[in-house]
Each structure stands twice: as structure tokens, then as C-alpha cells.
PDB file of N, CA and C in Angstrom:
ATOM      1  N   PHE A   1     121.271  86.524 103.511  1.00  0.00           N
ATOM      2  CA  PHE A   1     120.965  87.214 102.273  1.00  0.00           C
ATOM      3  C   PHE A   1     121.463  88.632 102.422  1.00  0.00           C
ATOM      4  N   PHE A   2     122.415  89.038 101.638  1.00  0.00           N
ATOM      5  CA  PHE A   2     123.013  90.357 101.747  1.00  0.00           C
ATOM      6  C   PHE A   2     122.876  91.115 100.437  1.00  0.00           C
ATOM      7  N   LEU A   3     122.623  92.411 100.534  1.00  0.00           N
ATOM      8  CA  LEU A   3     122.533  93.265  99.356  1.00  0.00           C
ATOM      9  C   LEU A   3     123.684  94.264  99.386  1.00  0.00           C
ATOM     10  N   SER A   4     124.017  94.822  98.259  1.00  0.00           N
ATOM     11  CA  SER A   4     125.115  95.779  98.122  1.00  0.00           C
ATOM     12  C   SER A   4     124.976  96.937  99.096  1.00  0.00           C
ATOM     13  N   ASP A   5     126.115  97.432  99.585  1.00  0.00           N
ATOM     14  CA  ASP A   5     126.072  98.563 100.507  1.00  0.00           C
ATOM     15  C   ASP A   5     125.826  99.888  99.799  1.00  0.00           C
ATOM     16  N   THR A   6     125.688  99.863  98.478  1.00  0.00           N
ATOM     17  CA  THR A   6     125.367 101.084  97.733  1.00  0.00           C
ATOM     18  C   THR A   6     123.967 101.026  97.120  1.00  0.00           C
ATOM     19  N   LEU A   7     123.267  99.949  97.343  1.00  0.00           N
ATOM     20  CA  LEU A   7     121.950  99.747  96.751  1.00  0.00           C
ATOM     21  C   LEU A   7     120.936 100.766  97.272  1.00  0.00           C
ATOM     22  N   GLU A   8     120.153 101.358  96.371  1.00  0.00           N
ATOM     23  CA  GLU A   8     119.135 102.327  96.752  1.00  0.00           C
ATOM     24  C   GLU A   8     117.722 101.823  96.522  1.00  0.00           C
ATOM     25  N   VAL A   9     117.530 100.843  95.638  1.00  0.00           N
ATOM     26  CA  VAL A   9     116.211 100.297  95.329  1.00  0.00           C
ATOM     27  C   VAL A   9     116.302  98.769  95.326  1.00  0.00           C
ATOM     28  N   ALA A  10     115.366  98.120  96.044  1.00  0.00           N
ATOM     29  CA  ALA A  10     115.346  96.650  96.076  1.00  0.00           C
ATOM     30  C   ALA A  10     113.914  96.157  95.949  1.00  0.00           C
ATOM     31  N   GLY A  11     113.640  95.424  94.885  1.00  0.00           N
ATOM     32  CA  GLY A  11     112.333  94.817  94.685  1.00  0.00           C
ATOM     33  C   GLY A  11     112.450  93.320  94.878  1.00  0.00           C
ATOM     34  N   LEU A  12     112.092  92.836  96.054  1.00  0.00           N
ATOM     35  CA  LEU A  12     112.216  91.424  96.389  1.00  0.00           C
ATOM     36  C   LEU A  12     110.853  90.793  96.631  1.00  0.00           C
ATOM     37  N   ASP A  13     109.828  91.364  96.042  1.00  0.00           N
ATOM     38  CA  ASP A  13     108.484  90.840  96.215  1.00  0.00           C
ATOM     39  C   ASP A  13     108.309  89.539  95.445  1.00  0.00           C
ATOM     40  N   ARG A  14     107.402  88.706  95.947  1.00  0.00           N
ATOM     41  CA  ARG A  14     107.032  87.436  95.308  1.00  0.00           C
ATOM     42  C   ARG A  14     108.219  86.497  95.099  1.00  0.00           C
ATOM     43  N   ASN A  15     109.057  86.390  96.107  1.00  0.00           N
ATOM     44  CA  ASN A  15     110.227  85.515  96.008  1.00  0.00           C
ATOM     45  C   ASN A  15     110.216  84.368  97.007  1.00  0.00           C
ATOM     46  N   TYR A  16     109.117  84.151  97.688  1.00  0.00           N
ATOM     47  CA  TYR A  16     108.991  83.068  98.657  1.00  0.00           C
ATOM     48  C   TYR A  16     110.023  83.181  99.767  1.00  0.00           C
ATOM     49  N   LEU A  17     110.411  84.404 100.115  1.00  0.00           N
ATOM     50  CA  LEU A  17     111.347  84.606 101.219  1.00  0.00           C
ATOM     51  C   LEU A  17     110.654  84.272 102.524  1.00  0.00           C
ATOM     52  N   THR A  18     111.381  83.654 103.448  1.00  0.00           N
ATOM     53  CA  THR A  18     110.830  83.291 104.751  1.00  0.00           C
ATOM     54  C   THR A  18     111.735  83.820 105.847  1.00  0.00           C
ATOM     55  N   GLY A  19     111.223  83.824 107.072  1.00  0.00           N
ATOM     56  CA  GLY A  19     112.027  84.252 108.205  1.00  0.00           C
ATOM     57  C   GLY A  19     111.815  85.711 108.534  1.00  0.00           C
ATOM     58  N   ARG A  20     112.779  86.267 109.245  1.00  0.00           N
ATOM     59  CA  ARG A  20     112.687  87.640 109.710  1.00  0.00           C
ATOM     60  C   ARG A  20     113.636  88.531 108.914  1.00  0.00           C
ATOM     61  N   PRO A  21     113.196  89.737 108.524  1.00  0.00           N
ATOM     62  CA  PRO A  21     114.099  90.660 107.824  1.00  0.00           C
ATOM     63  C   PRO A  21     115.300  91.033 108.681  1.00  0.00           C
ATOM     64  N   PHE A  22     116.299  91.622 108.075  1.00  0.00           N
ATOM     65  CA  PHE A  22     117.586  91.902 108.710  1.00  0.00           C
ATOM     66  C   PHE A  22     117.487  92.583 110.057  1.00  0.00           C
ATOM     67  N   PHE A  23     116.597  93.512 110.222  1.00  0.00           N
ATOM     68  CA  PHE A  23     116.552  94.256 111.479  1.00  0.00           C
ATOM     69  C   PHE A  23     115.727  93.563 112.541  1.00  0.00           C
ATOM     70  N   LEU A  24     115.239  92.375 112.273  1.00  0.00           N
ATOM     71  CA  LEU A  24     114.479  91.614 113.254  1.00  0.00           C
ATOM     72  C   LEU A  24     115.224  90.392 113.743  1.00  0.00           C
ATOM     73  N   SER A  25     116.244  90.003 113.041  1.00  0.00           N
ATOM     74  CA  SER A  25     116.925  88.755 113.359  1.00  0.00           C
ATOM     75  C   SER A  25     117.845  88.917 114.560  1.00  0.00           C
ATOM     76  N   ASN A  26     117.784  87.950 115.468  1.00  0.00           N
ATOM     77  CA  ASN A  26     118.698  87.924 116.612  1.00  0.00           C
ATOM     78  C   ASN A  26     119.867  86.986 116.367  1.00  0.00           C
ATOM     79  N   SER A  27     119.855  86.329 115.236  1.00  0.00           N
ATOM     80  CA  SER A  27     120.924  85.380 114.935  1.00  0.00           C
ATOM     81  C   SER A  27     122.160  86.111 114.424  1.00  0.00           C
ATOM     82  N   LYS A  28     123.255  85.400 114.368  1.00  0.00           N
ATOM     83  CA  LYS A  28     124.498  85.986 113.873  1.00  0.00           C
ATOM     84  C   LYS A  28     124.453  86.212 112.369  1.00  0.00           C
ATOM     85  N   GLU A  29     123.613  85.466 111.687  1.00  0.00           N
ATOM     86  CA  GLU A  29     123.468  85.629 110.249  1.00  0.00           C
ATOM     87  C   GLU A  29     122.033  86.012 109.933  1.00  0.00           C
ATOM     88  N   PRO A  30     121.749  87.313 109.871  1.00  0.00           N
ATOM     89  CA  PRO A  30     120.391  87.753 109.605  1.00  0.00           C
ATOM     90  C   PRO A  30     119.902  87.321 108.234  1.00  0.00           C
ATOM     91  N   VAL A  31     118.591  87.329 108.077  1.00  0.00           N
ATOM     92  CA  VAL A  31     117.992  86.920 106.811  1.00  0.00           C
ATOM     93  C   VAL A  31     118.348  87.898 105.701  1.00  0.00           C
ATOM     94  N   ILE A  32     118.224  89.186 105.963  1.00  0.00           N
ATOM     95  CA  ILE A  32     118.473  90.203 104.936  1.00  0.00           C
ATOM     96  C   ILE A  32     119.267  91.343 105.552  1.00  0.00           C
ATOM     97  N   VAL A  33     120.353  91.733 104.935  1.00  0.00           N
ATOM     98  CA  VAL A  33     121.130  92.895 105.364  1.00  0.00           C
ATOM     99  C   VAL A  33     121.121  93.887 104.216  1.00  0.00           C
ATOM    100  N   ILE A  34     120.778  95.121 104.507  1.00  0.00           N
ATOM    101  CA  ILE A  34     120.564  96.103 103.458  1.00  0.00           C
ATOM    102  C   ILE A  34     121.319  97.394 103.758  1.00  0.00           C
ATOM    103  N   SER A  35     121.710  98.093 102.737  1.00  0.00           N
ATOM    104  CA  SER A  35     122.434  99.350 102.821  1.00  0.00           C
ATOM    105  C   SER A  35     121.616 100.453 103.488  1.00  0.00           C
ATOM    106  N   GLU A  36     122.281 101.314 104.248  1.00  0.00           N
ATOM    107  CA  GLU A  36     121.627 102.498 104.820  1.00  0.00           C
ATOM    108  C   GLU A  36     121.205 103.472 103.726  1.00  0.00           C
ATOM    109  N   LYS A  37     121.738 103.319 102.523  1.00  0.00           N
ATOM    110  CA  LYS A  37     121.391 104.200 101.416  1.00  0.00           C
ATOM    111  C   LYS A  37     120.067 103.829 100.765  1.00  0.00           C
ATOM    112  N   LEU A  38     119.509 102.708 101.178  1.00  0.00           N
ATOM    113  CA  LEU A  38     118.287 102.223 100.565  1.00  0.00           C
ATOM    114  C   LEU A  38     117.145 103.237 100.699  1.00  0.00           C
ATOM    115  N   ARG A  39     116.474 103.508  99.575  1.00  0.00           N
ATOM    116  CA  ARG A  39     115.343 104.441  99.556  1.00  0.00           C
ATOM    117  C   ARG A  39     114.023 103.723  99.329  1.00  0.00           C
ATOM    118  N   TRP A  40     114.047 102.586  98.645  1.00  0.00           N
ATOM    119  CA  TRP A  40     112.833 101.894  98.226  1.00  0.00           C
ATOM    120  C   TRP A  40     113.018 100.409  98.461  1.00  0.00           C
ATOM    121  N   LEU A  41     112.113  99.799  99.268  1.00  0.00           N
ATOM    122  CA  LEU A  41     112.218  98.382  99.576  1.00  0.00           C
ATOM    123  C   LEU A  41     110.851  97.728  99.439  1.00  0.00           C
ATOM    124  N   HIS A  42     110.778  96.733  98.556  1.00  0.00           N
ATOM    125  CA  HIS A  42     109.527  96.010  98.335  1.00  0.00           C
ATOM    126  C   HIS A  42     109.756  94.547  98.716  1.00  0.00           C
ATOM    127  N   LEU A  43     109.119  94.122  99.834  1.00  0.00           N
ATOM    128  CA  LEU A  43     109.193  92.740 100.290  1.00  0.00           C
ATOM    129  C   LEU A  43     107.802  92.128 100.400  1.00  0.00           C
ATOM    130  N   GLY A  44     106.853  92.656  99.648  1.00  0.00           N
ATOM    131  CA  GLY A  44     105.493  92.137  99.677  1.00  0.00           C
ATOM    132  C   GLY A  44     105.387  90.751  99.070  1.00  0.00           C
ATOM    133  N   TYR A  45     104.305  90.070  99.427  1.00  0.00           N
ATOM    134  CA  TYR A  45     104.005  88.735  98.893  1.00  0.00           C
ATOM    135  C   TYR A  45     105.126  87.733  99.140  1.00  0.00           C
ATOM    136  N   ASN A  46     105.612  87.697 100.373  1.00  0.00           N
ATOM    137  CA  ASN A  46     106.569  86.689 100.800  1.00  0.00           C
ATOM    138  C   ASN A  46     105.984  85.992 102.020  1.00  0.00           C
ATOM    139  N   GLN A  47     106.788  85.326 102.790  1.00  0.00           N
ATOM    140  CA  GLN A  47     106.343  84.659 104.020  1.00  0.00           C
ATOM    141  C   GLN A  47     107.181  85.136 105.199  1.00  0.00           C
ATOM    142  N   LEU A  48     107.452  86.440 105.247  1.00  0.00           N
ATOM    143  CA  LEU A  48     108.273  87.003 106.309  1.00  0.00           C
ATOM    144  C   LEU A  48     107.467  87.079 107.600  1.00  0.00           C
ATOM    145  N   THR A  49     108.153  86.923 108.734  1.00  0.00           N
ATOM    146  CA  THR A  49     107.495  86.858 110.038  1.00  0.00           C
ATOM    147  C   THR A  49     108.100  87.840 111.020  1.00  0.00           C
ATOM    148  N   GLY A  50     107.490  87.916 112.204  1.00  0.00           N
ATOM    149  CA  GLY A  50     107.988  88.775 113.264  1.00  0.00           C
ATOM    150  C   GLY A  50     107.346  90.143 113.205  1.00  0.00           C
ATOM    151  N   MET A  51     107.930  91.080 113.927  1.00  0.00           N
ATOM    152  CA  MET A  51     107.457  92.465 113.915  1.00  0.00           C
ATOM    153  C   MET A  51     108.197  93.201 112.821  1.00  0.00           C
ATOM    154  N   PRO A  52     107.511  93.793 111.839  1.00  0.00           N
ATOM    155  CA  PRO A  52     108.190  94.329 110.668  1.00  0.00           C
ATOM    156  C   PRO A  52     108.996  95.602 110.870  1.00  0.00           C
ATOM    157  N   LEU A  53     108.658  96.416 111.864  1.00  0.00           N
ATOM    158  CA  LEU A  53     109.306  97.723 111.968  1.00  0.00           C
ATOM    159  C   LEU A  53     109.867  97.978 113.361  1.00  0.00           C
ATOM    160  N   PRO A  54     111.185  98.048 113.514  1.00  0.00           N
ATOM    161  CA  PRO A  54     111.755  98.406 114.812  1.00  0.00           C
ATOM    162  C   PRO A  54     111.592  99.903 115.059  1.00  0.00           C
ATOM    163  N   SER A  55     111.629 100.303 116.311  1.00  0.00           N
ATOM    164  CA  SER A  55     111.405 101.709 116.656  1.00  0.00           C
ATOM    165  C   SER A  55     112.461 102.642 116.077  1.00  0.00           C
ATOM    166  N   ASN A  56     113.668 102.133 115.828  1.00  0.00           N
ATOM    167  CA  ASN A  56     114.738 102.984 115.302  1.00  0.00           C
ATOM    168  C   ASN A  56     114.963 102.802 113.801  1.00  0.00           C
ATOM    169  N   LEU A  57     113.944 102.343 113.087  1.00  0.00           N
ATOM    170  CA  LEU A  57     114.089 102.088 111.652  1.00  0.00           C
ATOM    171  C   LEU A  57     114.593 103.315 110.900  1.00  0.00           C
ATOM    172  N   TRP A  58     113.966 104.463 111.117  1.00  0.00           N
ATOM    173  CA  TRP A  58     114.374 105.658 110.378  1.00  0.00           C
ATOM    174  C   TRP A  58     115.468 106.444 111.084  1.00  0.00           C
ATOM    175  N   SER A  59     115.555 106.378 112.387  1.00  0.00           N
ATOM    176  CA  SER A  59     116.558 107.179 113.088  1.00  0.00           C
ATOM    177  C   SER A  59     117.961 106.606 112.974  1.00  0.00           C
ATOM    178  N   ARG A  60     118.086 105.280 112.864  1.00  0.00           N
ATOM    179  CA  ARG A  60     119.425 104.686 112.860  1.00  0.00           C
ATOM    180  C   ARG A  60     119.678 103.681 111.769  1.00  0.00           C
ATOM    181  N   ARG A  61     118.669 102.969 111.312  1.00  0.00           N
ATOM    182  CA  ARG A  61     118.910 101.849 110.403  1.00  0.00           C
ATOM    183  C   ARG A  61     118.777 102.217 108.932  1.00  0.00           C
ATOM    184  N   LEU A  62     117.650 102.799 108.551  1.00  0.00           N
ATOM    185  CA  LEU A  62     117.406 103.148 107.145  1.00  0.00           C
ATOM    186  C   LEU A  62     116.897 104.587 107.066  1.00  0.00           C
ATOM    187  N   PRO A  63     117.745 105.556 107.341  1.00  0.00           N
ATOM    188  CA  PRO A  63     117.304 106.956 107.420  1.00  0.00           C
ATOM    189  C   PRO A  63     116.820 107.545 106.094  1.00  0.00           C
ATOM    190  N   ASN A  64     117.161 106.931 104.974  1.00  0.00           N
ATOM    191  CA  ASN A  64     116.770 107.463 103.669  1.00  0.00           C
ATOM    192  C   ASN A  64     115.571 106.747 103.044  1.00  0.00           C
ATOM    193  N   LEU A  65     115.022 105.788 103.761  1.00  0.00           N
ATOM    194  CA  LEU A  65     113.922 104.984 103.222  1.00  0.00           C
ATOM    195  C   LEU A  65     112.670 105.831 102.996  1.00  0.00           C
ATOM    196  N   THR A  66     112.188 105.842 101.754  1.00  0.00           N
ATOM    197  CA  THR A  66     110.981 106.607 101.423  1.00  0.00           C
ATOM    198  C   THR A  66     109.803 105.715 101.085  1.00  0.00           C
ATOM    199  N   HIS A  67     110.047 104.518 100.589  1.00  0.00           N
ATOM    200  CA  HIS A  67     108.979 103.601 100.193  1.00  0.00           C
ATOM    201  C   HIS A  67     109.246 102.229 100.802  1.00  0.00           C
ATOM    202  N   LEU A  68     108.295 101.756 101.608  1.00  0.00           N
ATOM    203  CA  LEU A  68     108.437 100.465 102.270  1.00  0.00           C
ATOM    204  C   LEU A  68     107.167  99.656 102.056  1.00  0.00           C
ATOM    205  N   TYR A  69     107.300  98.543 101.361  1.00  0.00           N
ATOM    206  CA  TYR A  69     106.168  97.681 101.038  1.00  0.00           C
ATOM    207  C   TYR A  69     106.385  96.322 101.706  1.00  0.00           C
ATOM    208  N   PHE A  70     105.639  96.064 102.779  1.00  0.00           N
ATOM    209  CA  PHE A  70     105.724  94.805 103.523  1.00  0.00           C
ATOM    210  C   PHE A  70     104.384  94.086 103.516  1.00  0.00           C
ATOM    211  N   HIS A  71     103.523  94.379 102.572  1.00  0.00           N
ATOM    212  CA  HIS A  71     102.193  93.799 102.538  1.00  0.00           C
ATOM    213  C   HIS A  71     102.224  92.323 102.155  1.00  0.00           C
ATOM    214  N   HIS A  72     101.158  91.612 102.535  1.00  0.00           N
ATOM    215  CA  HIS A  72     100.997  90.191 102.214  1.00  0.00           C
ATOM    216  C   HIS A  72     102.158  89.334 102.717  1.00  0.00           C
ATOM    217  N   ASN A  73     102.418  89.418 104.013  1.00  0.00           N
ATOM    218  CA  ASN A  73     103.400  88.574 104.681  1.00  0.00           C
ATOM    219  C   ASN A  73     102.736  87.967 105.913  1.00  0.00           C
ATOM    220  N   GLN A  74     103.520  87.570 106.887  1.00  0.00           N
ATOM    221  CA  GLN A  74     102.999  86.974 108.112  1.00  0.00           C
ATOM    222  C   GLN A  74     103.456  87.754 109.338  1.00  0.00           C
ATOM    223  N   PHE A  75     103.630  89.058 109.202  1.00  0.00           N
ATOM    224  CA  PHE A  75     104.082  89.879 110.321  1.00  0.00           C
ATOM    225  C   PHE A  75     103.024  89.935 111.410  1.00  0.00           C
ATOM    226  N   THR A  76     103.476  89.967 112.672  1.00  0.00           N
ATOM    227  CA  THR A  76     102.574  89.989 113.817  1.00  0.00           C
ATOM    228  C   THR A  76     102.996  91.077 114.798  1.00  0.00           C
ATOM    229  N   GLY A  77     102.106  91.387 115.729  1.00  0.00           N
ATOM    230  CA  GLY A  77     102.434  92.326 116.793  1.00  0.00           C
ATOM    231  C   GLY A  77     101.853  93.700 116.548  1.00  0.00           C
ATOM    232  N   THR A  78     102.310  94.636 117.365  1.00  0.00           N
ATOM    233  CA  THR A  78     101.849  96.022 117.324  1.00  0.00           C
ATOM    234  C   THR A  78     102.997  96.907 116.865  1.00  0.00           C
ATOM    235  N   LEU A  79     102.701  97.892 116.058  1.00  0.00           N
ATOM    236  CA  LEU A  79     103.745  98.818 115.610  1.00  0.00           C
ATOM    237  C   LEU A  79     104.249  99.634 116.799  1.00  0.00           C
ATOM    238  N   PRO A  80     105.565  99.834 116.912  1.00  0.00           N
ATOM    239  CA  PRO A  80     106.127 100.593 118.032  1.00  0.00           C
ATOM    240  C   PRO A  80     106.062 102.100 117.789  1.00  0.00           C
ATOM    241  N   GLU A  81     106.288 102.862 118.850  1.00  0.00           N
ATOM    242  CA  GLU A  81     106.517 104.298 118.677  1.00  0.00           C
ATOM    243  C   GLU A  81     107.875 104.426 118.007  1.00  0.00           C
ATOM    244  N   PHE A  82     107.977 105.283 117.009  1.00  0.00           N
ATOM    245  CA  PHE A  82     109.220 105.416 116.255  1.00  0.00           C
ATOM    246  C   PHE A  82     110.108 106.497 116.828  1.00  0.00           C
ATOM    247  N   GLU A  83     111.388 106.168 116.977  1.00  0.00           N
ATOM    248  CA  GLU A  83     112.387 107.145 117.390  1.00  0.00           C
ATOM    249  C   GLU A  83     112.696 108.024 116.191  1.00  0.00           C
ATOM    250  N   LEU A  84     112.725 109.307 116.406  1.00  0.00           N
ATOM    251  CA  LEU A  84     113.060 110.221 115.323  1.00  0.00           C
ATOM    252  C   LEU A  84     114.343 110.954 115.692  1.00  0.00           C
ATOM    253  N   SER A  85     115.362 110.856 114.855  1.00  0.00           N
ATOM    254  CA  SER A  85     116.631 111.510 115.135  1.00  0.00           C
ATOM    255  C   SER A  85     116.469 113.019 114.975  1.00  0.00           C
ATOM    256  N   ASN A  86     116.905 113.743 115.978  1.00  0.00           N
ATOM    257  CA  ASN A  86     116.839 115.217 115.967  1.00  0.00           C
ATOM    258  C   ASN A  86     115.427 115.717 115.661  1.00  0.00           C
ATOM    259  N   GLN A  87     114.424 114.968 116.099  1.00  0.00           N
ATOM    260  CA  GLN A  87     113.031 115.347 115.900  1.00  0.00           C
ATOM    261  C   GLN A  87     112.668 115.544 114.433  1.00  0.00           C
ATOM    262  N   THR A  88     113.394 114.906 113.536  1.00  0.00           N
ATOM    263  CA  THR A  88     113.070 115.028 112.119  1.00  0.00           C
ATOM    264  C   THR A  88     111.991 114.033 111.738  1.00  0.00           C
ATOM    265  N   ILE A  89     111.196 114.381 110.796  1.00  0.00           N
ATOM    266  CA  ILE A  89     110.138 113.514 110.306  1.00  0.00           C
ATOM    267  C   ILE A  89     110.743 112.533 109.311  1.00  0.00           C
ATOM    268  N   PRO A  90     110.426 111.256 109.407  1.00  0.00           N
ATOM    269  CA  PRO A  90     110.962 110.295 108.429  1.00  0.00           C
ATOM    270  C   PRO A  90     110.552 110.702 107.016  1.00  0.00           C
ATOM    271  N   PRO A  91     111.375 110.382 106.046  1.00  0.00           N
ATOM    272  CA  PRO A  91     111.073 110.771 104.667  1.00  0.00           C
ATOM    273  C   PRO A  91     110.033 109.871 103.996  1.00  0.00           C
ATOM    274  N   ILE A  92     109.356 109.040 104.782  1.00  0.00           N
ATOM    275  CA  ILE A  92     108.459 108.031 104.218  1.00  0.00           C
ATOM    276  C   ILE A  92     107.352 108.636 103.363  1.00  0.00           C
ATOM    277  N   GLN A  93     107.170 108.073 102.181  1.00  0.00           N
ATOM    278  CA  GLN A  93     106.116 108.501 101.267  1.00  0.00           C
ATOM    279  C   GLN A  93     105.090 107.396 101.060  1.00  0.00           C
ATOM    280  N   ALA A  94     105.501 106.137 101.246  1.00  0.00           N
ATOM    281  CA  ALA A  94     104.588 105.006 101.097  1.00  0.00           C
ATOM    282  C   ALA A  94     104.952 103.937 102.121  1.00  0.00           C
ATOM    283  N   LEU A  95     103.952 103.473 102.864  1.00  0.00           N
ATOM    284  CA  LEU A  95     104.136 102.427 103.853  1.00  0.00           C
ATOM    285  C   LEU A  95     102.958 101.472 103.739  1.00  0.00           C
ATOM    286  N   TRP A  96     103.208 100.303 103.164  1.00  0.00           N
ATOM    287  CA  TRP A  96     102.152  99.316 102.935  1.00  0.00           C
ATOM    288  C   TRP A  96     102.379  98.123 103.859  1.00  0.00           C
ATOM    289  N   LEU A  97     101.455  97.929 104.794  1.00  0.00           N
ATOM    290  CA  LEU A  97     101.551  96.836 105.749  1.00  0.00           C
ATOM    291  C   LEU A  97     100.309  95.952 105.740  1.00  0.00           C
ATOM    292  N   HIS A  98      99.414  96.162 104.803  1.00  0.00           N
ATOM    293  CA  HIS A  98      98.161  95.414 104.795  1.00  0.00           C
ATOM    294  C   HIS A  98      98.390  93.927 104.521  1.00  0.00           C
ATOM    295  N   GLU A  99      97.372  93.140 104.878  1.00  0.00           N
ATOM    296  CA  GLU A  99      97.388  91.681 104.708  1.00  0.00           C
ATOM    297  C   GLU A  99      98.523  91.032 105.491  1.00  0.00           C
ATOM    298  N   ASN A 100      98.651  91.438 106.755  1.00  0.00           N
ATOM    299  CA  ASN A 100      99.534  90.803 107.721  1.00  0.00           C
ATOM    300  C   ASN A 100      98.673  90.462 108.931  1.00  0.00           C
ATOM    301  N   LYS A 101      99.291  90.144 110.041  1.00  0.00           N
ATOM    302  CA  LYS A 101      98.556  89.812 111.259  1.00  0.00           C
ATOM    303  C   LYS A 101      98.878  90.815 112.362  1.00  0.00           C
ATOM    304  N   LEU A 102      98.965  92.083 111.993  1.00  0.00           N
ATOM    305  CA  LEU A 102      99.282  93.137 112.948  1.00  0.00           C
ATOM    306  C   LEU A 102      98.063  93.453 113.802  1.00  0.00           C
ATOM    307  N   THR A 103      98.308  93.906 115.043  1.00  0.00           N
ATOM    308  CA  THR A 103      97.238  94.254 115.962  1.00  0.00           C
ATOM    309  C   THR A 103      97.482  95.635 116.545  1.00  0.00           C
ATOM    310  N   GLY A 104      96.470  96.187 117.199  1.00  0.00           N
ATOM    311  CA  GLY A 104      96.625  97.461 117.888  1.00  0.00           C
ATOM    312  C   GLY A 104      96.407  98.657 116.988  1.00  0.00           C
ATOM    313  N   SER A 105      96.678  99.817 117.553  1.00  0.00           N
ATOM    314  CA  SER A 105      96.490 101.094 116.857  1.00  0.00           C
ATOM    315  C   SER A 105      97.790 101.563 116.243  1.00  0.00           C
ATOM    316  N   LEU A 106      97.670 102.552 115.385  1.00  0.00           N
ATOM    317  CA  LEU A 106      98.868 103.178 114.829  1.00  0.00           C
ATOM    318  C   LEU A 106      99.576 103.961 115.931  1.00  0.00           C
ATOM    319  N   PRO A 107     100.907 103.972 115.947  1.00  0.00           N
ATOM    320  CA  PRO A 107     101.635 104.713 116.979  1.00  0.00           C
ATOM    321  C   PRO A 107     101.410 106.218 116.833  1.00  0.00           C
ATOM    322  N   GLU A 108     101.393 106.916 117.958  1.00  0.00           N
ATOM    323  CA  GLU A 108     101.204 108.370 117.942  1.00  0.00           C
ATOM    324  C   GLU A 108     102.311 109.076 117.192  1.00  0.00           C
ATOM    325  N   SER A 109     103.515 108.505 117.163  1.00  0.00           N
ATOM    326  CA  SER A 109     104.628 109.155 116.458  1.00  0.00           C
ATOM    327  C   SER A 109     104.326 109.287 114.967  1.00  0.00           C
ATOM    328  N   MET A 110     103.423 108.480 114.437  1.00  0.00           N
ATOM    329  CA  MET A 110     103.068 108.586 113.014  1.00  0.00           C
ATOM    330  C   MET A 110     102.250 109.848 112.750  1.00  0.00           C
ATOM    331  N   ASN A 111     101.663 110.435 113.772  1.00  0.00           N
ATOM    332  CA  ASN A 111     100.910 111.691 113.588  1.00  0.00           C
ATOM    333  C   ASN A 111     101.817 112.824 113.131  1.00  0.00           C
ATOM    334  N   GLN A 112     103.102 112.723 113.406  1.00  0.00           N
ATOM    335  CA  GLN A 112     104.053 113.765 113.034  1.00  0.00           C
ATOM    336  C   GLN A 112     104.478 113.665 111.580  1.00  0.00           C
ATOM    337  N   TRP A 113     104.121 112.578 110.913  1.00  0.00           N
ATOM    338  CA  TRP A 113     104.548 112.383 109.533  1.00  0.00           C
ATOM    339  C   TRP A 113     103.743 113.266 108.682  1.00  0.00           C
TER     340      TRP A 113
END
């Protein structure tokens, strides 16, 4: 599943998507590939699995992402410490991860947000 390399907003909620999002897939054909220009991503109310957020999400993969909605999926694991490029704070304004199967505490790097 690929989206335009110029896309800035993607609302893919309630689409019965399954599997792992683009940055979680180890296969040659990831489930979702998204533009680095993306600012707003809504993938809530699907059946996505795995760990939802890699440590380099904002430093290398989606540096412009401000709104991330991953609620009501099947994500598991503990959130990682986030790498911040040049010690900059991610531009995140909304991060919804509720109604998943996440464990552990929030990473200390989130205190800098």
C-alpha cells in the first residue's frame, strides 16, 4: 500500500487494514509507505499490529508529522526512547495510542516535548 510522495494528510481510519505499518515491516513490500512530507496520519480503528513507533520516527522517517492517531488497533510492546535530530523537539501536537496492547511507561524522551 503506497501513498503519494507529496501527500501531507492521510485519513485511513476504519478501513480494516491489517499487518504492520510501513516503518515496522521487515518484508520487501511493506504494508504502508508514506511521504516524509506527511503532517497528519490517522490509522485508528484498524487491525494493525507490532510496535507502532520506531525510535527514529521523527528524526529520520516522518520529521514533519504533527498529528498521529494509532488508537484502537492491536499494537503491542513498549514505546522506545525517541531519537531527536539535532536535539530538536518533534513537532507532534497529537499522539493517540489508546485502546492498544501497549505496556510499560512513557519514554523519558517524551518529557522534552
